[in-house]
């Protein structure tokens, strides 16, 4: 594989991994925030 092509492939994989990490972080945080919102909204039994 020519070097420019492999460098492009590595850059694409990097971007994909970065996006996946960002999505996971956002999902995790919005999930926690959602649980906290639900806990705050529901009065303690």
PDB file of N, CA and C in Angstrom:
ATOM      1  N   UNK A   1       0.864  -1.198   0.000  1.00  0.00           N
ATOM      2  CA  UNK A   1       0.000   0.000   0.000  1.00  0.00           C
ATOM      3  C   UNK A   1       0.898   1.245   0.000  1.00  0.00           C
ATOM      4  N   UNK A   2       0.647   2.169  -0.914  1.00  0.00           N
ATOM      5  CA  UNK A   2       1.467   3.386  -0.922  1.00  0.00           C
ATOM      6  C   UNK A   2       1.287   4.177   0.364  1.00  0.00           C
ATOM      7  N   UNK A   3       2.325   4.871   0.764  1.00  0.00           N
ATOM      8  CA  UNK A   3       2.308   5.575   2.052  1.00  0.00           C
ATOM      9  C   UNK A   3       1.176   6.601   2.147  1.00  0.00           C
ATOM     10  N   UNK A   4       0.944   7.437   1.114  1.00  0.00           N
ATOM     11  CA  UNK A   4      -0.139   8.425   1.253  1.00  0.00           C
ATOM     12  C   UNK A   4      -1.489   7.766   1.523  1.00  0.00           C
ATOM     13  N   UNK A   5      -1.754   6.637   0.860  1.00  0.00           N
ATOM     14  CA  UNK A   5      -3.039   5.956   1.043  1.00  0.00           C
ATOM     15  C   UNK A   5      -3.156   5.430   2.472  1.00  0.00           C
ATOM     16  N   UNK A   6      -2.079   4.829   2.991  1.00  0.00           N
ATOM     17  CA  UNK A   6      -2.149   4.291   4.351  1.00  0.00           C
ATOM     18  C   UNK A   6      -2.271   5.431   5.357  1.00  0.00           C
ATOM     19  N   UNK A   7      -1.605   6.555   5.063  1.00  0.00           N
ATOM     20  CA  UNK A   7      -1.714   7.689   5.976  1.00  0.00           C
ATOM     21  C   UNK A   7      -3.151   8.200   5.985  1.00  0.00           C
ATOM     22  N   UNK A   8      -3.773   8.213   4.793  1.00  0.00           N
ATOM     23  CA  UNK A   8      -5.164   8.660   4.705  1.00  0.00           C
ATOM     24  C   UNK A   8      -6.075   7.702   5.477  1.00  0.00           C
ATOM     25  N   UNK A   9      -5.803   6.392   5.334  1.00  0.00           N
ATOM     26  CA  UNK A   9      -6.622   5.398   6.034  1.00  0.00           C
ATOM     27  C   UNK A   9      -6.465   5.554   7.546  1.00  0.00           C
ATOM     28  N   UNK A  10      -5.235   5.770   7.999  1.00  0.00           N
ATOM     29  CA  UNK A  10      -5.004   5.953   9.436  1.00  0.00           C
ATOM     30  C   UNK A  10      -5.713   7.206   9.940  1.00  0.00           C
ATOM     31  N   UNK A  11      -5.673   8.272   9.153  1.00  0.00           N
ATOM     32  CA  UNK A  11      -6.345   9.506   9.554  1.00  0.00           C
ATOM     33  C   UNK A  11      -7.850   9.275   9.645  1.00  0.00           C
ATOM     34  N   UNK A  12      -8.398   8.518   8.694  1.00  0.00           N
ATOM     35  CA  UNK A  12      -9.837   8.240   8.706  1.00  0.00           C
ATOM     36  C   UNK A  12     -10.199   7.409   9.935  1.00  0.00           C
ATOM     37  N   UNK A  13      -9.385   6.387  10.242  1.00  0.00           N
ATOM     38  CA  UNK A  13      -9.644   5.561  11.427  1.00  0.00           C
ATOM     39  C   UNK A  13      -9.563   6.405  12.691  1.00  0.00           C
ATOM     40  N   UNK A  14      -8.573   7.295  12.732  1.00  0.00           N
ATOM     41  CA  UNK A  14      -8.415   8.192  13.878  1.00  0.00           C
ATOM     42  C   UNK A  14      -9.669   9.029  14.078  1.00  0.00           C
ATOM     43  N   UNK A  15     -10.153   9.596  12.973  1.00  0.00           N
ATOM     44  CA  UNK A  15     -11.343  10.442  13.054  1.00  0.00           C
ATOM     45  C   UNK A  15     -12.538   9.628  13.519  1.00  0.00           C
ATOM     46  N   UNK A  16     -12.656   8.402  12.999  1.00  0.00           N
ATOM     47  CA  UNK A  16     -13.792   7.561  13.378  1.00  0.00           C
ATOM     48  C   UNK A  16     -13.740   7.233  14.871  1.00  0.00           C
ATOM     49  N   UNK A  17     -12.552   6.866  15.350  1.00  0.00           N
ATOM     50  CA  UNK A  17     -12.407   6.534  16.769  1.00  0.00           C
ATOM     51  C   UNK A  17     -12.711   7.757  17.627  1.00  0.00           C
ATOM     52  N   UNK A  18     -12.228   8.910  17.181  1.00  0.00           N
ATOM     53  CA  UNK A  18     -12.461  10.147  17.916  1.00  0.00           C
ATOM     54  C   UNK A  18     -13.961  10.418  18.017  1.00  0.00           C
ATOM     55  N   UNK A  19     -14.658  10.246  16.891  1.00  0.00           N
ATOM     56  CA  UNK A  19     -16.100  10.489  16.866  1.00  0.00           C
ATOM     57  C   UNK A  19     -16.817   9.513  17.796  1.00  0.00           C
ATOM     58  N   UNK A  20     -16.377   8.248  17.779  1.00  0.00           N
ATOM     59  CA  UNK A  20     -17.036   7.240  18.610  1.00  0.00           C
ATOM     60  C   UNK A  20     -16.841   7.567  20.084  1.00  0.00           C
ATOM     61  N   UNK A  21     -15.626   7.993  20.441  1.00  0.00           N
ATOM     62  CA  UNK A  21     -15.353   8.349  21.839  1.00  0.00           C
ATOM     63  C   UNK A  21     -16.223   9.528  22.242  1.00  0.00           C
ATOM     64  N   UNK A  22     -16.306  10.525  21.341  1.00  0.00           N
ATOM     65  CA  UNK A  22     -17.097  11.713  21.660  1.00  0.00           C
ATOM     66  C   UNK A  22     -18.565  11.323  21.822  1.00  0.00           C
ATOM     67  N   UNK A  23     -19.074  10.474  20.915  1.00  0.00           N
ATOM     68  CA  UNK A  23     -20.472  10.046  21.010  1.00  0.00           C
ATOM     69  C   UNK A  23     -20.713   9.296  22.313  1.00  0.00           C
ATOM     70  N   UNK A  24     -19.794   8.401  22.668  1.00  0.00           N
ATOM     71  CA  UNK A  24     -19.947   7.641  23.895  1.00  0.00           C
ATOM     72  C   UNK A  24     -19.949   8.545  25.114  1.00  0.00           C
ATOM     73  N   UNK A  25     -19.061   9.546  25.094  1.00  0.00           N
ATOM     74  CA  UNK A  25     -18.976  10.483  26.226  1.00  0.00           C
ATOM     75  C   UNK A  25     -20.269  11.275  26.344  1.00  0.00           C
ATOM     76  N   UNK A  26     -20.779  11.756  25.193  1.00  0.00           N
ATOM     77  CA  UNK A  26     -22.023  12.539  25.203  1.00  0.00           C
ATOM     78  C   UNK A  26     -23.178  11.660  25.686  1.00  0.00           C
ATOM     79  N   UNK A  27     -23.241  10.425  25.187  1.00  0.00           N
ATOM     80  CA  UNK A  27     -24.329   9.527  25.588  1.00  0.00           C
ATOM     81  C   UNK A  27     -24.261   9.253  27.084  1.00  0.00           C
ATOM     82  N   UNK A  28     -23.045   8.978  27.578  1.00  0.00           N
ATOM     83  CA  UNK A  28     -22.888   8.675  28.994  1.00  0.00           C
ATOM     84  C   UNK A  28     -23.340   9.864  29.837  1.00  0.00           C
ATOM     85  N   UNK A  29     -22.892  11.045  29.432  1.00  0.00           N
ATOM     86  CA  UNK A  29     -23.208  12.222  30.241  1.00  0.00           C
ATOM     87  C   UNK A  29     -24.679  12.595  30.148  1.00  0.00           C
ATOM     88  N   UNK A  30     -25.255  12.518  28.948  1.00  0.00           N
ATOM     89  CA  UNK A  30     -26.674  12.846  28.824  1.00  0.00           C
ATOM     90  C   UNK A  30     -27.501  11.787  29.544  1.00  0.00           C
ATOM     91  N   UNK A  31     -27.017  10.539  29.576  1.00  0.00           N
ATOM     92  CA  UNK A  31     -27.719   9.493  30.309  1.00  0.00           C
ATOM     93  C   UNK A  31     -27.725   9.785  31.799  1.00  0.00           C
ATOM     94  N   UNK A  32     -26.563  10.147  32.341  1.00  0.00           N
ATOM     95  CA  UNK A  32     -26.488  10.498  33.762  1.00  0.00           C
ATOM     96  C   UNK A  32     -27.380  11.695  34.055  1.00  0.00           C
ATOM     97  N   UNK A  33     -27.331  12.690  33.165  1.00  0.00           N
ATOM     98  CA  UNK A  33     -28.132  13.888  33.377  1.00  0.00           C
ATOM     99  C   UNK A  33     -29.611  13.517  33.353  1.00  0.00           C
ATOM    100  N   UNK A  34     -29.986  12.608  32.441  1.00  0.00           N
ATOM    101  CA  UNK A  34     -31.377  12.177  32.367  1.00  0.00           C
ATOM    102  C   UNK A  34     -31.797  11.489  33.664  1.00  0.00           C
ATOM    103  N   UNK A  35     -30.934  10.615  34.189  1.00  0.00           N
ATOM    104  CA  UNK A  35     -31.257   9.932  35.441  1.00  0.00           C
ATOM    105  C   UNK A  35     -31.382  10.931  36.579  1.00  0.00           C
ATOM    106  N   UNK A  36     -30.483  11.916  36.618  1.00  0.00           N
ATOM    107  CA  UNK A  36     -30.530  12.926  37.678  1.00  0.00           C
ATOM    108  C   UNK A  36     -31.816  13.738  37.559  1.00  0.00           C
ATOM    109  N   UNK A  37     -32.191  14.067  36.309  1.00  0.00           N
ATOM    110  CA  UNK A  37     -33.432  14.820  36.101  1.00  0.00           C
ATOM    111  C   UNK A  37     -34.628  14.016  36.592  1.00  0.00           C
ATOM    112  N   UNK A  38     -34.642  12.724  36.255  1.00  0.00           N
ATOM    113  CA  UNK A  38     -35.760  11.876  36.682  1.00  0.00           C
ATOM    114  C   UNK A  38     -35.787  11.806  38.206  1.00  0.00           C
ATOM    115  N   UNK A  39     -34.621  11.637  38.821  1.00  0.00           N
ATOM    116  CA  UNK A  39     -34.547  11.566  40.277  1.00  0.00           C
ATOM    117  C   UNK A  39     -35.012  12.862  40.917  1.00  0.00           C
ATOM    118  N   UNK A  40     -34.694  13.989  40.284  1.00  0.00           N
ATOM    119  CA  UNK A  40     -35.087  15.281  40.847  1.00  0.00           C
ATOM    120  C   UNK A  40     -36.579  15.512  40.645  1.00  0.00           C
ATOM    121  N   UNK A  41     -37.120  14.943  39.555  1.00  0.00           N
ATOM    122  CA  UNK A  41     -38.518  15.192  39.243  1.00  0.00           C
ATOM    123  C   UNK A  41     -39.433  14.322  40.107  1.00  0.00           C
ATOM    124  N   UNK A  42     -38.989  13.094  40.390  1.00  0.00           N
ATOM    125  CA  UNK A  42     -39.832  12.179  41.168  1.00  0.00           C
ATOM    126  C   UNK A  42     -39.650  12.486  42.652  1.00  0.00           C
ATOM    127  N   UNK A  43     -40.711  12.835  43.358  1.00  0.00           N
ATOM    128  CA  UNK A  43     -40.571  13.105  44.794  1.00  0.00           C
ATOM    129  C   UNK A  43     -40.196  11.834  45.545  1.00  0.00           C
ATOM    130  N   UNK A  44     -39.372  11.926  46.566  1.00  0.00           N
ATOM    131  CA  UNK A  44     -38.986  10.726  47.321  1.00  0.00           C
ATOM    132  C   UNK A  44     -40.214  10.050  47.926  1.00  0.00           C
ATOM    133  N   UNK A  45     -40.241   8.732  47.845  1.00  0.00           N
ATOM    134  CA  UNK A  45     -41.418   7.994  48.322  1.00  0.00           C
ATOM    135  C   UNK A  45     -41.506   8.056  49.844  1.00  0.00           C
TER     136      UNK A  45
END
